[in-house]
């Protein structure tokens, strides 16, 4: 029962920022949302899709993420292009609360693999994670989670993919840490 869990009892960790590593093909992007918004070619893609798969009003954890996230990761696979290797996104929390946000956009006929690594110390930490995947027609997206939270971390994550005709989205997760880890996976057509 999570009715008594007070999100506001956890101070946001102002130092939290995802680390994104990977090389995007021409016209693509792998980095932070903040950097993507500074790029004239990527900003419209972020603005069109961010918050379009998961509405900010879908429960208290999603609402907290929408209100309090300060950094996020953005991976964009352009039409017909494939990333040469996987993109690594590292989420490292210290204490308090973190609000990781990840947006993956795979245009028609593109291909991308993303591995999310999540770690924390043993201090009390609340992680409210939102992952949006847009896989347009015939796109291939591989998303893997390597969850190694500390003993006092509670994570509430929603991962939702919106799939176009002929697209293929595969999600794997390995959770070997944390006090409480709840991940919700959903697919939309």
N, C-alpha and C. Protein backbone atom coordinates (compact mmCIF):
# COMPACT_ATOMS: atom_id res chain seq x y z
N UNK A 1 0.84 -1.18 0.00
CA UNK A 1 0.00 0.00 0.00
C UNK A 1 0.88 1.24 0.00
N UNK A 2 0.78 2.05 -1.04
CA UNK A 2 1.61 3.24 -1.17
C UNK A 2 0.87 4.52 -0.81
N UNK A 3 -0.34 4.39 -0.29
CA UNK A 3 -1.14 5.58 0.01
C UNK A 3 -0.44 6.49 1.00
N UNK A 4 0.31 5.94 1.93
CA UNK A 4 0.98 6.75 2.93
C UNK A 4 2.35 7.27 2.54
N UNK A 5 2.83 6.91 1.37
CA UNK A 5 4.15 7.36 0.94
C UNK A 5 4.08 8.83 0.51
N UNK A 6 4.75 9.69 1.25
CA UNK A 6 4.73 11.13 0.96
C UNK A 6 5.93 11.49 0.09
N UNK A 7 5.68 11.77 -1.16
CA UNK A 7 6.75 12.15 -2.08
C UNK A 7 7.45 13.40 -1.59
N UNK A 8 6.68 14.33 -1.03
CA UNK A 8 7.29 15.58 -0.58
C UNK A 8 8.17 15.41 0.65
N UNK A 9 8.23 14.21 1.20
CA UNK A 9 9.14 13.92 2.30
C UNK A 9 10.57 13.69 1.83
N UNK A 10 10.77 13.64 0.52
CA UNK A 10 12.10 13.44 -0.08
C UNK A 10 12.51 14.72 -0.81
N UNK A 11 13.59 15.33 -0.38
CA UNK A 11 14.07 16.55 -1.05
C UNK A 11 14.70 16.18 -2.39
N UNK A 12 14.36 16.89 -3.46
CA UNK A 12 14.96 16.59 -4.76
C UNK A 12 16.49 16.75 -4.72
N UNK A 13 17.18 15.81 -5.35
CA UNK A 13 18.64 15.84 -5.44
C UNK A 13 19.01 16.77 -6.60
N UNK A 14 19.43 17.99 -6.27
CA UNK A 14 19.73 18.99 -7.29
C UNK A 14 20.94 18.61 -8.14
N UNK A 15 21.75 17.68 -7.69
CA UNK A 15 22.95 17.29 -8.43
C UNK A 15 22.67 16.19 -9.45
N UNK A 16 21.48 15.62 -9.43
CA UNK A 16 21.18 14.50 -10.33
C UNK A 16 21.16 14.96 -11.79
N UNK A 17 21.85 14.21 -12.63
CA UNK A 17 21.80 14.40 -14.08
C UNK A 17 22.17 13.07 -14.73
N UNK A 18 21.41 12.64 -15.73
CA UNK A 18 21.76 11.39 -16.40
C UNK A 18 23.04 11.57 -17.23
N UNK A 19 23.80 10.51 -17.31
CA UNK A 19 24.98 10.49 -18.17
C UNK A 19 24.63 9.66 -19.40
N UNK A 20 24.76 10.26 -20.58
CA UNK A 20 24.40 9.59 -21.83
C UNK A 20 25.67 9.41 -22.65
N UNK A 21 25.93 8.16 -23.05
CA UNK A 21 27.12 7.86 -23.86
C UNK A 21 26.70 7.03 -25.07
N UNK A 22 27.15 7.45 -26.21
CA UNK A 22 26.84 6.74 -27.45
C UNK A 22 26.97 7.70 -28.62
N UNK A 23 27.24 7.13 -29.77
CA UNK A 23 27.42 7.95 -30.96
C UNK A 23 26.23 7.75 -31.89
N UNK A 24 25.57 8.86 -32.19
CA UNK A 24 24.39 8.82 -33.05
C UNK A 24 24.79 8.91 -34.52
N UNK A 25 24.00 8.29 -35.40
CA UNK A 25 24.26 8.44 -36.84
C UNK A 25 23.91 9.86 -37.28
N UNK A 26 24.28 10.21 -38.49
CA UNK A 26 24.00 11.54 -39.02
C UNK A 26 22.51 11.85 -38.89
N UNK A 27 22.21 13.02 -38.34
CA UNK A 27 20.83 13.43 -38.17
C UNK A 27 20.20 12.93 -36.88
N UNK A 28 20.90 12.09 -36.15
CA UNK A 28 20.38 11.54 -34.90
C UNK A 28 20.95 12.27 -33.70
N UNK A 29 20.62 11.76 -32.51
CA UNK A 29 21.05 12.42 -31.28
C UNK A 29 21.08 11.41 -30.15
N UNK A 30 22.07 11.56 -29.27
CA UNK A 30 22.15 10.81 -28.01
C UNK A 30 22.77 11.74 -26.99
N UNK A 31 21.98 12.24 -26.07
CA UNK A 31 22.47 13.20 -25.08
C UNK A 31 21.36 13.60 -24.15
N UNK A 32 21.52 14.75 -23.54
CA UNK A 32 20.51 15.23 -22.60
C UNK A 32 19.41 15.98 -23.35
N UNK A 33 18.27 16.05 -22.72
CA UNK A 33 17.16 16.81 -23.31
C UNK A 33 17.54 18.28 -23.39
N UNK A 34 18.24 18.78 -22.37
CA UNK A 34 18.66 20.19 -22.38
C UNK A 34 19.53 20.50 -23.59
N UNK A 35 20.48 19.62 -23.90
CA UNK A 35 21.33 19.85 -25.07
C UNK A 35 20.54 19.71 -26.38
N UNK A 36 19.60 18.78 -26.41
CA UNK A 36 18.79 18.60 -27.62
C UNK A 36 17.95 19.84 -27.89
N UNK A 37 17.46 20.49 -26.85
CA UNK A 37 16.64 21.68 -27.04
C UNK A 37 17.45 22.86 -27.58
N UNK A 38 18.77 22.80 -27.44
CA UNK A 38 19.64 23.86 -27.99
C UNK A 38 20.00 23.60 -29.46
N UNK A 39 19.69 22.40 -29.94
CA UNK A 39 20.01 22.01 -31.31
C UNK A 39 18.79 22.28 -32.19
N UNK A 40 18.89 23.18 -33.19
CA UNK A 40 17.73 23.52 -34.01
C UNK A 40 17.10 22.33 -34.73
N UNK A 41 17.88 21.28 -35.02
CA UNK A 41 17.33 20.11 -35.70
C UNK A 41 16.62 19.18 -34.72
N UNK A 42 17.06 19.14 -33.45
CA UNK A 42 16.50 18.20 -32.48
C UNK A 42 15.37 18.80 -31.63
N UNK A 43 15.41 20.10 -31.40
CA UNK A 43 14.41 20.74 -30.54
C UNK A 43 12.97 20.45 -30.99
N UNK A 44 12.65 20.53 -32.29
CA UNK A 44 11.26 20.24 -32.68
C UNK A 44 10.84 18.79 -32.41
N UNK A 45 11.80 17.87 -32.49
CA UNK A 45 11.49 16.45 -32.23
C UNK A 45 11.16 16.27 -30.75
N UNK A 46 11.96 16.88 -29.88
CA UNK A 46 11.68 16.81 -28.44
C UNK A 46 10.34 17.45 -28.13
N UNK A 47 10.12 18.64 -28.65
CA UNK A 47 8.88 19.36 -28.36
C UNK A 47 7.65 18.62 -28.86
N UNK A 48 7.76 17.91 -29.96
CA UNK A 48 6.63 17.17 -30.52
C UNK A 48 6.29 15.93 -29.69
N UNK A 49 7.31 15.27 -29.12
CA UNK A 49 7.07 13.97 -28.48
C UNK A 49 7.13 13.94 -26.96
N UNK A 50 7.84 14.87 -26.32
CA UNK A 50 7.98 14.83 -24.87
C UNK A 50 6.62 15.03 -24.19
N UNK A 51 6.24 14.07 -23.39
CA UNK A 51 4.94 14.12 -22.72
C UNK A 51 3.79 13.65 -23.59
N UNK A 52 4.07 13.22 -24.81
CA UNK A 52 3.01 12.78 -25.72
C UNK A 52 2.60 11.33 -25.55
N UNK A 53 3.43 10.53 -24.89
CA UNK A 53 3.11 9.12 -24.68
C UNK A 53 2.60 8.89 -23.26
N UNK A 54 3.13 9.65 -22.31
CA UNK A 54 2.71 9.53 -20.91
C UNK A 54 2.29 10.91 -20.43
N UNK A 55 1.00 11.06 -20.14
CA UNK A 55 0.47 12.34 -19.68
C UNK A 55 0.90 12.60 -18.24
N UNK A 56 1.14 13.86 -17.93
CA UNK A 56 1.61 14.26 -16.60
C UNK A 56 0.60 13.97 -15.49
N UNK A 57 -0.63 13.68 -15.85
CA UNK A 57 -1.68 13.49 -14.84
C UNK A 57 -1.92 12.03 -14.47
N UNK A 58 -1.05 11.13 -14.89
CA UNK A 58 -1.27 9.70 -14.67
C UNK A 58 -0.73 9.22 -13.32
N UNK A 59 -1.26 9.73 -12.26
CA UNK A 59 -0.87 9.27 -10.93
C UNK A 59 0.17 10.17 -10.29
N UNK A 60 0.37 9.97 -8.98
CA UNK A 60 1.23 10.90 -8.23
C UNK A 60 2.70 10.80 -8.60
N UNK A 61 3.20 9.63 -8.98
CA UNK A 61 4.61 9.52 -9.32
C UNK A 61 4.91 10.15 -10.67
N UNK A 62 4.03 9.97 -11.64
CA UNK A 62 4.21 10.60 -12.95
C UNK A 62 4.05 12.11 -12.82
N UNK A 63 3.08 12.55 -12.02
CA UNK A 63 2.87 13.99 -11.82
C UNK A 63 4.09 14.61 -11.14
N UNK A 64 4.67 13.92 -10.16
CA UNK A 64 5.87 14.43 -9.50
C UNK A 64 7.02 14.53 -10.48
N UNK A 65 7.16 13.51 -11.34
CA UNK A 65 8.22 13.55 -12.35
C UNK A 65 8.01 14.74 -13.28
N UNK A 66 6.79 14.91 -13.77
CA UNK A 66 6.50 15.99 -14.71
C UNK A 66 6.78 17.36 -14.08
N UNK A 67 6.52 17.50 -12.79
CA UNK A 67 6.69 18.78 -12.12
C UNK A 67 8.14 19.05 -11.70
N UNK A 68 8.89 17.97 -11.39
CA UNK A 68 10.17 18.17 -10.73
C UNK A 68 11.41 17.72 -11.50
N UNK A 69 11.25 17.08 -12.67
CA UNK A 69 12.45 16.63 -13.37
C UNK A 69 13.23 17.85 -13.86
N UNK A 70 14.54 17.74 -13.73
CA UNK A 70 15.40 18.85 -14.14
C UNK A 70 16.39 18.41 -15.21
N UNK A 71 16.52 17.15 -15.43
CA UNK A 71 17.41 16.64 -16.46
C UNK A 71 16.78 15.42 -17.07
N UNK A 72 17.14 15.14 -18.25
CA UNK A 72 16.59 13.96 -18.90
C UNK A 72 17.49 13.56 -20.03
N UNK A 73 17.23 12.39 -20.58
CA UNK A 73 18.01 11.86 -21.69
C UNK A 73 17.12 11.77 -22.92
N UNK A 74 17.72 12.03 -24.08
CA UNK A 74 17.00 11.98 -25.35
C UNK A 74 17.83 11.23 -26.36
N UNK A 75 17.20 10.21 -26.95
CA UNK A 75 17.85 9.44 -28.02
C UNK A 75 16.93 9.52 -29.24
N UNK A 76 17.52 9.92 -30.37
CA UNK A 76 16.75 10.09 -31.60
C UNK A 76 17.43 9.32 -32.72
N UNK A 77 16.73 8.32 -33.25
CA UNK A 77 17.21 7.56 -34.40
C UNK A 77 16.50 8.10 -35.64
N UNK A 78 17.24 8.72 -36.57
CA UNK A 78 16.60 9.31 -37.74
C UNK A 78 16.14 8.26 -38.75
N UNK A 79 15.27 8.68 -39.62
CA UNK A 79 14.68 7.81 -40.63
C UNK A 79 15.72 6.97 -41.36
N UNK A 80 15.51 5.63 -41.32
CA UNK A 80 16.35 4.70 -42.07
C UNK A 80 17.76 4.52 -41.54
N UNK A 81 18.10 5.10 -40.41
CA UNK A 81 19.46 5.03 -39.87
C UNK A 81 19.50 4.08 -38.66
N UNK A 82 20.66 3.49 -38.45
CA UNK A 82 20.86 2.61 -37.30
C UNK A 82 22.05 3.11 -36.49
N UNK A 83 21.93 3.07 -35.19
CA UNK A 83 23.07 3.36 -34.32
C UNK A 83 24.06 2.21 -34.47
N UNK A 84 25.35 2.52 -34.51
CA UNK A 84 26.38 1.49 -34.67
C UNK A 84 26.49 0.61 -33.43
N UNK A 85 26.22 1.18 -32.28
CA UNK A 85 26.30 0.43 -31.02
C UNK A 85 25.25 0.93 -30.06
N UNK A 86 25.13 0.29 -28.91
CA UNK A 86 24.10 0.71 -27.95
C UNK A 86 24.43 2.06 -27.31
N UNK A 87 23.39 2.75 -26.91
CA UNK A 87 23.52 3.99 -26.15
C UNK A 87 23.39 3.62 -24.68
N UNK A 88 24.28 4.15 -23.86
CA UNK A 88 24.26 3.89 -22.42
C UNK A 88 23.74 5.12 -21.69
N UNK A 89 22.74 4.91 -20.84
CA UNK A 89 22.20 5.99 -20.00
C UNK A 89 22.40 5.57 -18.55
N UNK A 90 23.18 6.36 -17.81
CA UNK A 90 23.45 6.04 -16.41
C UNK A 90 22.68 6.99 -15.51
N UNK A 91 21.91 6.39 -14.59
CA UNK A 91 21.15 7.13 -13.60
C UNK A 91 21.77 6.80 -12.24
N UNK A 92 22.37 7.80 -11.61
CA UNK A 92 23.01 7.56 -10.32
C UNK A 92 22.43 8.53 -9.30
N UNK A 93 21.80 7.96 -8.27
CA UNK A 93 21.21 8.79 -7.24
C UNK A 93 21.98 8.71 -5.95
N UNK A 94 21.99 9.80 -5.19
CA UNK A 94 22.70 9.82 -3.91
C UNK A 94 21.69 9.67 -2.77
N UNK A 95 20.88 10.70 -2.54
CA UNK A 95 19.85 10.63 -1.52
C UNK A 95 18.78 11.65 -1.84
N UNK A 96 17.63 11.50 -1.21
CA UNK A 96 16.51 12.40 -1.47
C UNK A 96 15.63 11.82 -2.57
N UNK A 97 15.40 12.59 -3.61
CA UNK A 97 14.54 12.14 -4.71
C UNK A 97 15.15 12.52 -6.04
N UNK A 98 15.04 11.63 -6.99
CA UNK A 98 15.45 11.91 -8.37
C UNK A 98 14.28 11.61 -9.29
N UNK A 99 14.25 12.31 -10.40
CA UNK A 99 13.12 12.20 -11.33
C UNK A 99 13.65 11.97 -12.75
N UNK A 100 14.21 10.77 -13.01
CA UNK A 100 14.76 10.49 -14.34
C UNK A 100 13.69 10.51 -15.42
N UNK A 101 14.04 11.08 -16.55
CA UNK A 101 13.13 11.13 -17.70
C UNK A 101 13.92 10.72 -18.92
N UNK A 102 13.35 9.83 -19.73
CA UNK A 102 14.00 9.34 -20.94
C UNK A 102 13.01 9.35 -22.08
N UNK A 103 13.41 9.96 -23.19
CA UNK A 103 12.59 9.99 -24.40
C UNK A 103 13.40 9.37 -25.52
N UNK A 104 12.84 8.32 -26.14
CA UNK A 104 13.46 7.65 -27.29
C UNK A 104 12.52 7.81 -28.48
N UNK A 105 13.02 8.38 -29.56
CA UNK A 105 12.23 8.53 -30.78
C UNK A 105 12.97 7.81 -31.90
N UNK A 106 12.32 6.79 -32.47
CA UNK A 106 12.88 6.04 -33.59
C UNK A 106 11.97 6.28 -34.80
N UNK A 107 12.52 6.98 -35.76
CA UNK A 107 11.76 7.30 -36.97
C UNK A 107 11.62 6.05 -37.85
N UNK A 108 10.78 6.11 -38.89
CA UNK A 108 10.54 4.94 -39.73
C UNK A 108 11.83 4.29 -40.24
N UNK A 109 11.89 2.96 -40.10
CA UNK A 109 13.01 2.18 -40.61
C UNK A 109 14.31 2.34 -39.86
N UNK A 110 14.29 2.97 -38.70
CA UNK A 110 15.53 3.17 -37.93
C UNK A 110 15.71 2.06 -36.90
N UNK A 111 16.89 2.07 -36.28
CA UNK A 111 17.20 1.05 -35.28
C UNK A 111 18.10 1.63 -34.19
N UNK A 112 17.76 1.34 -32.93
CA UNK A 112 18.56 1.82 -31.80
C UNK A 112 18.41 0.86 -30.62
N UNK A 113 19.52 0.71 -29.88
CA UNK A 113 19.51 -0.07 -28.63
C UNK A 113 19.96 0.86 -27.51
N UNK A 114 19.26 0.81 -26.39
CA UNK A 114 19.54 1.66 -25.24
C UNK A 114 19.63 0.79 -24.00
N UNK A 115 20.70 1.00 -23.21
CA UNK A 115 20.86 0.29 -21.95
C UNK A 115 20.85 1.34 -20.84
N UNK A 116 19.93 1.18 -19.89
CA UNK A 116 19.80 2.09 -18.76
C UNK A 116 20.40 1.42 -17.53
N UNK A 117 21.42 2.06 -16.96
CA UNK A 117 22.08 1.57 -15.75
C UNK A 117 21.63 2.46 -14.59
N UNK A 118 21.06 1.87 -13.54
CA UNK A 118 20.59 2.63 -12.40
C UNK A 118 21.29 2.16 -11.13
N UNK A 119 21.94 3.11 -10.43
CA UNK A 119 22.65 2.77 -9.19
C UNK A 119 22.42 3.85 -8.15
N UNK A 120 22.62 3.48 -6.90
CA UNK A 120 22.55 4.45 -5.80
C UNK A 120 23.32 3.92 -4.62
N UNK A 121 23.58 4.81 -3.67
CA UNK A 121 24.21 4.42 -2.41
C UNK A 121 23.13 3.82 -1.52
N UNK A 122 23.47 3.58 -0.27
CA UNK A 122 22.49 2.98 0.64
C UNK A 122 21.64 3.99 1.39
N UNK A 123 21.80 5.30 1.11
CA UNK A 123 20.95 6.32 1.73
C UNK A 123 19.54 6.20 1.17
N UNK A 124 18.57 6.75 1.89
CA UNK A 124 17.18 6.73 1.44
C UNK A 124 17.04 7.54 0.16
N UNK A 125 16.47 6.92 -0.87
CA UNK A 125 16.31 7.57 -2.17
C UNK A 125 14.98 7.16 -2.76
N UNK A 126 14.28 8.13 -3.35
CA UNK A 126 13.06 7.89 -4.10
C UNK A 126 13.35 8.21 -5.55
N UNK A 127 13.09 7.28 -6.45
CA UNK A 127 13.27 7.50 -7.89
C UNK A 127 11.92 7.35 -8.58
N UNK A 128 11.48 8.43 -9.20
CA UNK A 128 10.24 8.41 -9.96
C UNK A 128 10.63 8.56 -11.42
N UNK A 129 10.61 7.45 -12.16
CA UNK A 129 11.17 7.38 -13.51
C UNK A 129 10.07 7.32 -14.57
N UNK A 130 10.24 8.10 -15.63
CA UNK A 130 9.31 8.10 -16.76
C UNK A 130 10.11 7.87 -18.03
N UNK A 131 9.73 6.83 -18.79
CA UNK A 131 10.40 6.51 -20.05
C UNK A 131 9.34 6.46 -21.15
N UNK A 132 9.52 7.30 -22.18
CA UNK A 132 8.62 7.33 -23.32
C UNK A 132 9.37 6.85 -24.56
N UNK A 133 8.78 5.90 -25.27
CA UNK A 133 9.37 5.37 -26.50
C UNK A 133 8.39 5.60 -27.64
N UNK A 134 8.86 6.22 -28.70
CA UNK A 134 8.06 6.40 -29.91
C UNK A 134 8.78 5.62 -31.00
N UNK A 135 8.18 4.52 -31.43
CA UNK A 135 8.75 3.68 -32.50
C UNK A 135 7.83 3.79 -33.71
N UNK A 136 8.26 4.57 -34.68
CA UNK A 136 7.43 4.77 -35.86
C UNK A 136 7.52 3.55 -36.78
N UNK A 137 6.84 3.57 -37.91
CA UNK A 137 6.70 2.42 -38.80
C UNK A 137 8.04 1.73 -39.08
N UNK A 138 8.07 0.43 -38.88
CA UNK A 138 9.22 -0.43 -39.19
C UNK A 138 10.49 -0.10 -38.40
N UNK A 139 10.37 0.63 -37.31
CA UNK A 139 11.54 0.94 -36.46
C UNK A 139 11.79 -0.22 -35.50
N UNK A 140 13.04 -0.35 -35.09
CA UNK A 140 13.43 -1.39 -34.11
C UNK A 140 14.07 -0.69 -32.92
N UNK A 141 13.52 -0.95 -31.73
CA UNK A 141 14.05 -0.36 -30.50
C UNK A 141 14.28 -1.49 -29.51
N UNK A 142 15.49 -1.53 -28.97
CA UNK A 142 15.85 -2.47 -27.90
C UNK A 142 16.16 -1.64 -26.67
N UNK A 143 15.49 -1.92 -25.57
CA UNK A 143 15.66 -1.16 -24.35
C UNK A 143 15.91 -2.14 -23.21
N UNK A 144 17.04 -1.99 -22.52
CA UNK A 144 17.39 -2.89 -21.43
C UNK A 144 17.66 -2.07 -20.17
N UNK A 145 17.17 -2.57 -19.04
CA UNK A 145 17.38 -1.91 -17.75
C UNK A 145 18.26 -2.79 -16.88
N UNK A 146 19.32 -2.21 -16.35
CA UNK A 146 20.22 -2.86 -15.40
C UNK A 146 20.07 -2.09 -14.09
N UNK A 147 19.19 -2.58 -13.22
CA UNK A 147 18.81 -1.88 -12.00
C UNK A 147 19.61 -2.44 -10.82
N UNK A 148 20.46 -1.61 -10.26
CA UNK A 148 21.27 -2.00 -9.10
C UNK A 148 21.19 -0.92 -8.03
N UNK A 149 19.96 -0.60 -7.63
CA UNK A 149 19.73 0.42 -6.61
C UNK A 149 20.28 -0.05 -5.26
N UNK A 150 20.60 0.91 -4.39
CA UNK A 150 21.03 0.62 -3.04
C UNK A 150 19.88 0.07 -2.20
N UNK A 151 20.20 -0.39 -1.01
CA UNK A 151 19.24 -1.09 -0.16
C UNK A 151 18.06 -0.24 0.29
N UNK A 152 18.17 1.07 0.27
CA UNK A 152 17.09 1.94 0.75
C UNK A 152 16.46 2.78 -0.36
N UNK A 153 16.59 2.32 -1.58
CA UNK A 153 16.00 3.03 -2.72
C UNK A 153 14.64 2.44 -3.05
N UNK A 154 13.69 3.35 -3.29
CA UNK A 154 12.37 2.97 -3.78
C UNK A 154 12.20 3.59 -5.16
N UNK A 155 11.93 2.75 -6.16
CA UNK A 155 11.75 3.27 -7.53
C UNK A 155 10.35 2.92 -8.01
N UNK A 156 9.74 3.91 -8.63
CA UNK A 156 8.44 3.74 -9.27
C UNK A 156 8.61 4.23 -10.70
N UNK A 157 8.59 3.29 -11.64
CA UNK A 157 8.89 3.62 -13.03
C UNK A 157 7.73 3.24 -13.93
N UNK A 158 7.49 4.07 -14.92
CA UNK A 158 6.55 3.72 -15.98
C UNK A 158 7.31 3.83 -17.29
N UNK A 159 7.22 2.74 -18.07
CA UNK A 159 7.86 2.66 -19.37
C UNK A 159 6.75 2.36 -20.37
N UNK A 160 6.54 3.27 -21.31
CA UNK A 160 5.46 3.07 -22.27
C UNK A 160 5.99 3.32 -23.67
N UNK A 161 5.65 2.40 -24.57
CA UNK A 161 6.05 2.52 -25.97
C UNK A 161 4.83 2.70 -26.85
N UNK A 162 4.92 3.64 -27.76
CA UNK A 162 3.89 3.83 -28.79
C UNK A 162 4.49 3.32 -30.09
N UNK A 163 3.89 2.26 -30.63
CA UNK A 163 4.47 1.55 -31.77
C UNK A 163 3.68 1.78 -33.05
N UNK A 164 4.42 2.09 -34.11
CA UNK A 164 3.81 2.24 -35.42
C UNK A 164 3.75 0.90 -36.15
N UNK A 165 3.12 0.88 -37.31
CA UNK A 165 2.95 -0.33 -38.09
C UNK A 165 4.30 -0.97 -38.43
N UNK A 166 4.44 -2.25 -38.12
CA UNK A 166 5.64 -3.00 -38.44
C UNK A 166 6.82 -2.74 -37.52
N UNK A 167 6.64 -1.91 -36.50
CA UNK A 167 7.76 -1.63 -35.59
C UNK A 167 7.95 -2.79 -34.61
N UNK A 168 9.12 -2.83 -33.99
CA UNK A 168 9.45 -3.90 -33.05
C UNK A 168 10.15 -3.27 -31.84
N UNK A 169 9.51 -3.32 -30.69
CA UNK A 169 10.08 -2.77 -29.45
C UNK A 169 10.24 -3.91 -28.47
N UNK A 170 11.46 -4.10 -27.99
CA UNK A 170 11.72 -5.14 -27.00
C UNK A 170 12.33 -4.50 -25.77
N UNK A 171 11.81 -4.88 -24.60
CA UNK A 171 12.28 -4.33 -23.34
C UNK A 171 12.66 -5.48 -22.41
N UNK A 172 13.86 -5.38 -21.83
CA UNK A 172 14.33 -6.36 -20.85
C UNK A 172 14.71 -5.60 -19.59
N UNK A 173 14.54 -6.26 -18.44
CA UNK A 173 14.94 -5.63 -17.20
C UNK A 173 15.59 -6.65 -16.27
N UNK A 174 16.62 -6.19 -15.58
CA UNK A 174 17.29 -6.97 -14.55
C UNK A 174 17.35 -6.08 -13.32
N UNK A 175 16.62 -6.42 -12.29
CA UNK A 175 16.58 -5.62 -11.06
C UNK A 175 17.15 -6.47 -9.93
N UNK A 176 18.34 -6.11 -9.46
CA UNK A 176 18.98 -6.88 -8.40
C UNK A 176 19.26 -6.02 -7.17
N UNK A 177 18.56 -4.93 -7.02
CA UNK A 177 18.77 -4.08 -5.86
C UNK A 177 17.54 -3.26 -5.58
N UNK A 178 17.61 -2.49 -4.50
CA UNK A 178 16.52 -1.61 -4.13
C UNK A 178 15.65 -2.20 -3.03
N UNK A 179 15.07 -1.31 -2.26
CA UNK A 179 14.15 -1.72 -1.20
C UNK A 179 12.81 -2.11 -1.82
N UNK A 180 12.36 -1.29 -2.77
CA UNK A 180 11.11 -1.53 -3.48
C UNK A 180 11.28 -1.01 -4.89
N UNK A 181 11.08 -1.87 -5.87
CA UNK A 181 11.19 -1.48 -7.28
C UNK A 181 9.90 -1.90 -7.97
N UNK A 182 9.18 -0.89 -8.50
CA UNK A 182 7.96 -1.19 -9.24
C UNK A 182 8.12 -0.58 -10.63
N UNK A 183 8.09 -1.43 -11.64
CA UNK A 183 8.19 -0.99 -13.02
C UNK A 183 6.91 -1.40 -13.74
N UNK A 184 6.31 -0.47 -14.43
CA UNK A 184 5.10 -0.73 -15.21
C UNK A 184 5.47 -0.57 -16.69
N UNK A 185 5.25 -1.63 -17.47
CA UNK A 185 5.56 -1.62 -18.89
C UNK A 185 4.25 -1.66 -19.67
N UNK A 186 4.11 -0.77 -20.63
CA UNK A 186 2.89 -0.72 -21.44
C UNK A 186 3.24 -0.46 -22.90
N UNK A 187 2.41 -0.97 -23.77
CA UNK A 187 2.58 -0.74 -25.20
C UNK A 187 1.30 -0.21 -25.80
N UNK A 188 1.41 0.78 -26.67
CA UNK A 188 0.29 1.35 -27.38
C UNK A 188 0.51 1.18 -28.87
N UNK A 189 -0.58 0.94 -29.59
CA UNK A 189 -0.50 0.86 -31.05
C UNK A 189 -1.04 2.11 -31.68
